[in-house]
Amino acid sequence: MVARLHELQAKSPFRLEVVDVDSDATLATRYGERVPVLVADGEEICHYHLDPIALDAYFSRIR
C-alpha cells in the first residue's frame, strides 16, 4: 500500500505519514487485523490493499 501511495504522490502531492500500528496499543486495538490500513482525518479509507476508488472518493470530498 505504501509503495502505491508513493507512486500516487508523484502525480498528485499529498502528505503521507506511515505509523506502525502494532507498536501502539490503542491503534492495535482499534484496527486489529485490518493492517495495513489507510486513515485520513480519523476516517478509515481502506485496509489490506489500496482501494483507488475509495481514495478518489475521499479526495473528492475534501477538495
Protein backbone atom coordinates (compact mmCIF):
# COMPACT_ATOMS: atom_id res chain seq x y z
CA MET A 1 0.00 0.00 0.00
CA VAL A 2 2.79 2.42 0.89
CA ALA A 3 4.59 1.86 -2.41
CA ARG A 4 1.43 2.57 -4.38
CA LEU A 5 0.73 5.71 -2.32
CA HIS A 6 4.25 6.97 -3.06
CA GLU A 7 3.56 6.45 -6.77
CA LEU A 8 0.36 8.49 -6.46
CA GLN A 9 2.20 11.28 -4.60
CA ALA A 10 4.37 11.85 -7.66
CA LYS A 11 1.25 12.71 -9.69
CA SER A 12 -0.79 14.46 -7.02
CA PRO A 13 1.16 15.56 -3.92
CA PHE A 14 -0.28 14.81 -0.50
CA ARG A 15 1.20 14.29 2.95
CA LEU A 16 1.78 10.67 3.93
CA GLU A 17 2.70 9.56 7.43
CA VAL A 18 3.50 5.89 8.00
CA VAL A 19 2.66 4.70 11.51
CA ASP A 20 3.48 1.28 12.99
CA VAL A 21 0.04 0.26 14.25
CA ASP A 22 1.44 -2.74 16.11
CA SER A 23 3.71 -0.53 18.24
CA ASP A 24 0.75 1.44 19.65
CA ALA A 25 -1.68 -0.49 21.86
CA THR A 26 -4.56 1.89 21.13
CA LEU A 27 -4.12 1.64 17.37
CA ALA A 28 -3.61 -2.12 17.55
CA THR A 29 -6.91 -2.44 19.39
CA ARG A 30 -8.73 -0.08 17.02
CA TYR A 31 -7.54 -1.67 13.76
CA GLY A 32 -6.79 -5.22 14.88
CA GLU A 33 -6.20 -7.42 11.86
CA ARG A 34 -7.14 -4.66 9.36
CA VAL A 35 -3.49 -3.77 8.76
CA PRO A 36 -2.28 -2.13 6.64
CA VAL A 37 -4.95 0.49 6.99
CA LEU A 38 -5.25 3.87 5.29
CA VAL A 39 -6.72 6.57 7.53
CA ALA A 40 -7.14 10.29 6.89
CA ASP A 41 -8.59 12.78 9.36
CA GLY A 42 -9.80 9.89 11.52
CA GLU A 43 -11.66 8.27 8.62
CA GLU A 44 -10.70 4.77 7.55
CA ILE A 45 -10.44 4.85 3.78
CA CYS A 46 -9.40 1.25 3.14
CA HIS A 47 -7.49 -1.65 4.62
CA TYR A 48 -5.39 -4.64 3.46
CA HIS A 49 -4.90 -3.20 -0.05
CA LEU A 50 -5.15 0.26 -1.52
CA ASP A 51 -8.65 0.85 -2.85
CA PRO A 52 -8.21 3.56 -5.51
CA ILE A 53 -11.97 4.13 -5.76
CA ALA A 54 -12.27 4.76 -2.02
CA LEU A 55 -9.20 7.03 -2.12
CA ASP A 56 -10.62 9.02 -5.05
CA ALA A 57 -13.93 9.37 -3.18
CA TYR A 58 -12.08 10.68 -0.13
CA PHE A 59 -10.13 13.23 -2.19
CA SER A 60 -13.36 14.32 -3.91
CA ARG A 61 -14.98 15.02 -0.53
CA ILE A 62 -12.10 17.10 0.82
CA ARG A 63 -11.43 19.22 -2.28
